[in-house]
Amino acid sequence: MIRRLFTEHPASVGETYGAHLMMAGGFSLRMVLGAAACLVHALLPFLFVKTGSAIITDLHGRMVTHRDRRRCAGTAPADAGPEARVAASPEMVT
């Protein structure tokens, strides 16, 4: 029961707990740095002119645009061979 609290969501996005910890932690750090750049930019508009939007674009690309939806769903297309189905298994993603 308790273990499921820590593994259900990471598995739903095709990650192990450890992989999700690293990914979410990395996103968190980038967001904090982006927020700091935006705050400095608010005070000094000639600094960090594109930093905040560049970080948002990068994070969106990593989280949404480049996500392998087959791995997140834990399935492979019906016409895929056995190796694709194994690769699509959430347990195999790190």
Protein backbone atom coordinates (compact mmCIF):
# COMPACT_ATOMS: atom_id res chain seq x y z
CA MET A 1 0.00 0.00 0.00
CA ILE A 2 2.65 2.54 1.05
CA ARG A 3 5.00 1.45 -1.75
CA ARG A 4 2.28 2.07 -4.32
CA LEU A 5 2.08 5.72 -3.20
CA PHE A 6 5.69 6.13 -4.32
CA THR A 7 5.57 4.06 -7.51
CA GLU A 8 2.12 4.48 -9.09
CA HIS A 9 2.65 7.93 -10.64
CA PRO A 10 6.24 7.32 -11.80
CA ALA A 11 5.09 4.10 -13.49
CA SER A 12 2.25 5.98 -15.17
CA VAL A 13 4.80 8.18 -16.95
CA GLY A 14 7.14 5.30 -17.76
CA GLU A 15 9.70 5.86 -15.00
CA THR A 16 10.97 4.11 -11.91
CA TYR A 17 10.82 5.95 -8.59
CA GLY A 18 14.53 6.82 -8.82
CA ALA A 19 14.28 8.02 -12.43
CA HIS A 20 11.25 10.13 -11.54
CA LEU A 21 13.07 11.57 -8.52
CA MET A 22 15.98 12.65 -10.72
CA MET A 23 13.74 14.01 -13.49
CA ALA A 24 11.40 15.93 -11.17
CA GLY A 25 14.33 17.18 -9.10
CA GLY A 26 16.05 18.45 -12.23
CA PHE A 27 12.86 20.17 -13.36
CA SER A 28 12.53 21.75 -9.93
CA LEU A 29 16.05 23.15 -10.03
CA ARG A 30 15.56 24.56 -13.54
CA MET A 31 12.27 26.17 -12.45
CA VAL A 32 13.91 27.79 -9.42
CA LEU A 33 16.73 29.15 -11.59
CA GLY A 34 14.21 30.36 -14.17
CA ALA A 35 12.16 32.07 -11.47
CA ALA A 36 15.27 33.81 -10.13
CA ALA A 37 16.18 34.98 -13.65
CA CYS A 38 12.63 36.31 -14.14
CA LEU A 39 12.79 38.18 -10.84
CA VAL A 40 16.11 39.77 -11.76
CA HIS A 41 14.68 40.59 -15.20
CA ALA A 42 11.66 42.27 -13.58
CA LEU A 43 13.99 44.59 -11.68
CA LEU A 44 16.62 45.00 -14.39
CA PRO A 45 14.84 44.42 -17.72
CA PHE A 46 18.07 44.47 -19.73
CA LEU A 47 19.24 41.26 -18.00
CA PHE A 48 17.99 37.71 -18.66
CA VAL A 49 15.78 38.93 -21.50
CA LYS A 50 15.08 35.44 -22.90
CA THR A 51 16.18 33.17 -20.05
CA GLY A 52 12.76 32.52 -18.49
CA SER A 53 11.04 31.73 -21.77
CA ALA A 54 13.98 29.57 -22.90
CA ILE A 55 13.76 27.49 -19.72
CA ILE A 56 9.98 27.11 -20.08
CA THR A 57 10.36 26.04 -23.72
CA ASP A 58 13.06 23.52 -22.81
CA LEU A 59 11.09 22.03 -19.93
CA HIS A 60 7.94 21.80 -22.04
CA GLY A 61 9.89 20.01 -24.74
CA ARG A 62 11.36 17.55 -22.27
CA MET A 63 8.09 16.92 -20.44
CA VAL A 64 5.48 16.97 -23.20
CA THR A 65 6.80 17.19 -26.73
CA HIS A 66 9.50 14.50 -26.53
CA ARG A 67 7.70 12.07 -24.24
CA ASP A 68 7.45 8.57 -25.68
CA ARG A 69 3.73 7.99 -25.27
CA ARG A 70 4.05 4.24 -25.85
CA ARG A 71 6.38 3.88 -22.88
CA CYS A 72 4.16 6.07 -20.72
CA ALA A 73 1.15 3.92 -21.53
CA GLY A 74 3.19 0.75 -21.00
CA THR A 75 2.15 -0.56 -24.40
CA ALA A 76 3.58 -0.87 -27.86
CA PRO A 77 1.74 -0.72 -31.17
CA ALA A 78 -0.02 -3.95 -32.13
CA ASP A 79 2.25 -4.41 -35.17
CA ALA A 80 5.44 -4.02 -33.13
CA GLY A 81 7.66 -7.02 -32.49
CA PRO A 82 8.37 -8.53 -29.05
CA GLU A 83 11.46 -6.37 -28.54
CA ALA A 84 9.34 -3.20 -28.88
CA ARG A 85 6.82 -4.51 -26.36
CA VAL A 86 9.63 -5.23 -23.89
CA ALA A 87 11.12 -1.76 -24.45
CA ALA A 88 7.66 -0.23 -23.86
CA SER A 89 7.30 -1.94 -20.51
CA PRO A 90 7.38 0.62 -17.64
CA GLU A 91 9.52 -1.75 -15.57
CA MET A 92 12.26 -1.55 -18.19
CA VAL A 93 12.44 2.25 -18.30
CA THR A 94 15.10 3.92 -16.17
